[in-house]
N, C-alpha and C. Protein backbone atom coordinates (compact mmCIF):
# COMPACT_ATOMS: atom_id res chain seq x y z
N MET A 1 90.08 127.52 99.20
CA MET A 1 91.54 127.29 99.13
C MET A 1 91.84 126.12 98.85
N LEU A 2 92.93 125.83 97.77
CA LEU A 2 92.97 124.36 97.20
C LEU A 2 93.70 123.38 98.16
N TYR A 3 93.32 123.25 99.16
CA TYR A 3 94.08 122.17 99.98
C TYR A 3 94.47 121.03 99.36
N TRP A 4 93.36 120.64 98.25
CA TRP A 4 94.79 119.64 97.77
C TRP A 4 95.80 119.56 96.85
N PHE A 5 96.34 120.83 97.00
CA PHE A 5 97.06 121.39 95.90
C PHE A 5 98.57 121.63 96.95
N ASN A 6 98.01 121.78 97.95
CA ASN A 6 99.48 122.30 99.25
C ASN A 6 100.59 120.77 99.22
N PRO A 7 100.00 119.59 99.02
CA PRO A 7 101.01 118.83 99.41
C PRO A 7 101.57 118.60 98.04
N LEU A 8 101.24 119.07 96.38
CA LEU A 8 101.95 119.20 95.67
C LEU A 8 103.53 120.53 95.73
N LYS A 9 102.78 121.48 96.62
CA LYS A 9 103.66 122.59 96.70
C LYS A 9 104.58 122.27 97.33
N LYS A 10 104.69 121.55 98.54
CA LYS A 10 105.54 121.28 99.45
C LYS A 10 105.63 119.28 99.26
N TYR A 11 106.22 119.05 98.18
CA TYR A 11 106.47 117.82 97.65
C TYR A 11 107.21 116.81 98.67
N ALA A 12 108.48 117.21 99.14
CA ALA A 12 108.50 116.24 99.91
C ALA A 12 109.10 116.55 101.36
N THR A 13 108.21 117.62 101.61
CA THR A 13 108.43 118.35 103.19
C THR A 13 107.46 117.76 103.85
N PHE A 14 108.54 117.01 104.99
CA PHE A 14 107.82 115.90 105.82
C PHE A 14 108.03 117.07 107.43
N THR A 15 107.87 118.16 107.40
CA THR A 15 108.09 119.13 108.47
C THR A 15 106.61 119.80 108.49
N GLY A 16 106.27 120.55 109.46
CA GLY A 16 104.96 121.27 109.80
C GLY A 16 103.70 120.23 110.14
N ARG A 17 102.83 120.76 110.18
CA ARG A 17 101.45 120.26 110.23
C ARG A 17 100.50 119.96 109.27
N ALA A 18 99.63 118.97 108.70
CA ALA A 18 98.96 119.43 107.83
C ALA A 18 97.45 119.04 108.37
N THR A 19 96.61 119.80 108.09
CA THR A 19 95.04 119.98 108.27
C THR A 19 94.27 119.17 108.05
N ARG A 20 93.02 118.30 108.81
CA ARG A 20 92.42 117.61 108.55
C ARG A 20 91.80 117.87 106.66
N ALA A 21 91.13 119.15 106.90
CA ALA A 21 90.96 118.91 104.96
C ALA A 21 92.10 118.93 103.93
N GLU A 22 93.07 119.40 104.42
CA GLU A 22 94.21 119.15 103.69
C GLU A 22 94.41 117.75 103.22
N TYR A 23 94.59 116.93 104.15
CA TYR A 23 94.71 115.42 104.22
C TYR A 23 93.60 114.62 103.60
N TRP A 24 92.40 115.25 103.42
CA TRP A 24 91.57 114.50 103.20
C TRP A 24 91.14 114.84 101.63
N LYS A 25 91.14 116.06 101.63
CA LYS A 25 91.34 116.48 100.08
C LYS A 25 92.28 116.07 99.06
N PHE A 26 93.40 116.21 99.60
CA PHE A 26 94.13 115.29 98.55
C PHE A 26 94.29 113.84 98.49
N CYS A 27 93.82 113.39 99.70
CA CYS A 27 93.44 112.00 99.58
C CYS A 27 92.40 111.57 98.04
N PHE A 28 91.42 112.54 98.66
CA PHE A 28 89.97 112.30 97.60
C PHE A 28 90.84 112.40 96.16
N VAL A 29 91.40 113.55 95.72
CA VAL A 29 91.95 113.66 94.58
C VAL A 29 93.11 112.47 94.12
N VAL A 30 93.48 112.07 94.98
CA VAL A 30 94.64 110.69 94.29
C VAL A 30 93.55 109.76 93.98
N VAL A 31 92.78 109.14 94.79
CA VAL A 31 91.54 108.30 94.60
C VAL A 31 90.99 108.88 93.69
N LEU A 32 90.59 109.80 93.43
CA LEU A 32 89.37 110.11 92.04
C LEU A 32 90.36 110.09 90.73
N GLY A 33 91.74 110.42 90.89
CA GLY A 33 92.47 109.87 89.65
C GLY A 33 92.69 108.97 89.38
N MET A 34 92.93 107.83 90.11
CA MET A 34 92.68 106.62 90.00
C MET A 34 91.84 105.87 89.51
N VAL A 35 91.09 106.06 89.97
CA VAL A 35 89.28 105.78 89.34
C VAL A 35 88.96 106.21 88.16
N LEU A 36 89.56 107.56 87.67
CA LEU A 36 89.47 108.16 86.62
C LEU A 36 90.43 107.09 85.22
N PHE A 37 91.59 106.18 85.70
CA PHE A 37 92.38 105.74 84.97
C PHE A 37 91.58 104.53 85.10
N ILE A 38 90.82 103.61 85.94
CA ILE A 38 90.74 102.44 85.85
C ILE A 38 89.38 102.47 85.28
N ILE A 39 88.58 103.43 84.95
CA ILE A 39 87.76 103.67 84.37
C ILE A 39 88.03 103.40 82.60
N LEU A 40 89.23 104.18 82.37
CA LEU A 40 90.02 104.46 80.90
C LEU A 40 89.99 102.92 80.68
N ILE A 41 90.61 102.16 81.66
CA ILE A 41 91.64 100.90 81.47
C ILE A 41 90.28 100.00 81.31
N ILE A 42 89.13 99.81 82.01
CA ILE A 42 88.00 99.03 81.74
C ILE A 42 87.46 99.40 80.30
N ALA A 43 87.39 100.55 80.41
CA ALA A 43 86.38 101.34 78.74
C ALA A 43 87.26 100.60 77.85
N GLY A 44 88.70 100.63 77.52
CA GLY A 44 89.59 100.16 76.89
C GLY A 44 89.40 98.48 76.30
N GLY A 45 89.13 97.80 78.01
CA GLY A 45 89.00 96.40 77.49
C GLY A 45 87.64 96.28 76.85
N PHE A 46 87.09 97.26 77.44
CA PHE A 46 85.50 96.64 76.37
C PHE A 46 85.64 97.03 75.24
N ARG A 47 85.97 97.91 74.43
CA ARG A 47 86.28 98.31 73.11
C ARG A 47 87.25 97.41 72.39
N ASN A 48 87.87 96.31 73.24
CA ASN A 48 88.94 95.67 72.35
C ASN A 48 89.68 96.65 72.14
N SER A 49 90.33 97.92 72.37
CA SER A 49 90.89 98.76 72.47
C SER A 49 92.22 98.59 73.34
N LEU A 50 93.48 97.90 72.72
CA LEU A 50 94.82 97.57 73.24
C LEU A 50 95.23 98.71 73.83
N VAL A 51 95.14 99.68 72.71
CA VAL A 51 95.92 100.81 73.08
C VAL A 51 95.32 101.75 74.13
N SER A 52 94.00 102.08 73.91
CA SER A 52 93.72 102.56 75.32
C SER A 52 93.64 102.08 77.09
N ALA A 53 93.54 100.81 76.74
CA ALA A 53 93.86 99.84 77.92
C ALA A 53 94.91 100.07 78.30
N GLN A 54 96.60 100.03 77.43
CA GLN A 54 97.72 100.30 77.50
C GLN A 54 98.32 101.50 77.87
N LEU A 55 97.27 102.68 77.65
CA LEU A 55 97.54 104.12 77.75
C LEU A 55 97.21 104.22 79.47
N GLY A 56 95.80 103.82 79.76
CA GLY A 56 95.38 104.13 80.76
C GLY A 56 96.00 103.25 82.14
N THR A 57 96.75 102.31 81.60
CA THR A 57 97.84 101.35 82.76
C THR A 57 99.30 102.43 82.76
N ILE A 58 99.18 102.87 81.92
CA ILE A 58 100.65 103.84 81.50
C ILE A 58 100.72 104.97 82.68
N PHE A 59 99.10 105.84 82.01
CA PHE A 59 98.90 106.90 83.07
C PHE A 59 98.72 106.97 84.47
N SER A 60 98.05 105.55 84.75
CA SER A 60 97.81 105.23 86.11
C SER A 60 99.23 105.11 86.71
N ALA A 61 100.30 104.32 86.11
CA ALA A 61 101.41 104.10 87.01
C ALA A 61 102.23 105.32 87.11
N ILE A 62 102.05 106.25 86.21
CA ILE A 62 102.66 107.47 86.21
C ILE A 62 101.80 108.09 87.29
N TRP A 63 100.87 107.98 87.76
CA TRP A 63 99.95 108.68 88.62
C TRP A 63 100.45 108.49 89.84
N ILE A 64 100.45 107.08 89.99
CA ILE A 64 100.76 106.47 91.23
C ILE A 64 101.97 106.84 92.05
N LEU A 65 103.42 106.97 90.66
CA LEU A 65 104.84 106.97 91.07
C LEU A 65 104.48 108.66 91.42
N PHE A 66 103.46 109.63 90.69
CA PHE A 66 103.97 111.17 91.37
C PHE A 66 103.11 111.17 92.38
N MET A 67 102.13 110.35 92.64
CA MET A 67 101.60 111.27 94.13
C MET A 67 102.05 110.49 95.07
N VAL A 68 102.76 109.33 95.02
CA VAL A 68 103.00 108.57 96.43
C VAL A 68 103.91 109.21 97.32
N ILE A 69 104.93 110.10 97.17
CA ILE A 69 105.81 110.73 98.15
C ILE A 69 105.12 111.91 98.68
N PRO A 70 103.73 112.40 97.85
CA PRO A 70 103.47 113.44 98.63
C PRO A 70 102.27 113.02 99.22
N LEU A 71 101.73 111.99 98.73
CA LEU A 71 100.67 111.41 99.98
C LEU A 71 101.56 110.81 101.58
N ILE A 72 102.65 110.19 100.93
CA ILE A 72 103.56 109.64 102.48
C ILE A 72 103.57 111.27 103.60
N ALA A 73 104.22 112.06 102.37
CA ALA A 73 104.23 113.15 103.42
C ALA A 73 103.24 114.11 104.10
N VAL A 74 101.97 114.03 103.49
CA VAL A 74 101.10 114.19 103.98
C VAL A 74 100.62 113.74 105.01
N GLY A 75 100.62 112.52 104.70
CA GLY A 75 99.94 111.33 106.11
C GLY A 75 100.76 111.59 107.61
N VAL A 76 102.16 111.60 106.80
CA VAL A 76 103.30 112.13 108.25
C VAL A 76 103.04 113.38 108.57
N SER A 77 102.90 114.00 108.20
CA SER A 77 102.17 115.72 108.79
C SER A 77 101.13 115.76 109.45
N PHE A 78 99.93 115.08 108.73
CA PHE A 78 98.88 114.40 109.67
C PHE A 78 98.99 113.99 110.97
N GLN A 79 99.76 112.78 110.88
CA GLN A 79 99.75 112.05 111.81
C GLN A 79 100.71 112.57 112.90
N LEU A 80 101.64 113.64 112.81
CA LEU A 80 102.73 114.33 113.48
C LEU A 80 102.38 114.44 115.34
N PRO A 81 101.23 115.00 115.57
CA PRO A 81 101.15 115.30 116.75
C PRO A 81 100.18 114.16 117.81
N ILE A 82 100.00 113.29 117.22
CA ILE A 82 99.82 111.97 117.90
C ILE A 82 100.37 111.49 119.28
N SER A 83 100.29 111.77 120.16
CA SER A 83 101.40 110.95 121.34
C SER A 83 100.71 109.66 121.59
N PHE A 84 101.76 108.97 122.05
CA PHE A 84 101.48 107.62 122.54
C PHE A 84 101.56 107.67 124.27
């Protein structure tokens, strides 16, 4: 099953319970996306291509803005059953 895709289907749902696999696989996809955009920024900087570096920066900002709400939602639903 596509555990990493479930938080995107439940974009801002803070109810329910996220499984461990769902939480970690989604975190892995978010980090992998950021690593790819950082590589794009660095590669554009080495080639002295300002356009490539700017596109990498713009896409990474969009990626972060798009992923922050599902990342918080899956984090909250993963941590819900913890009792103090």
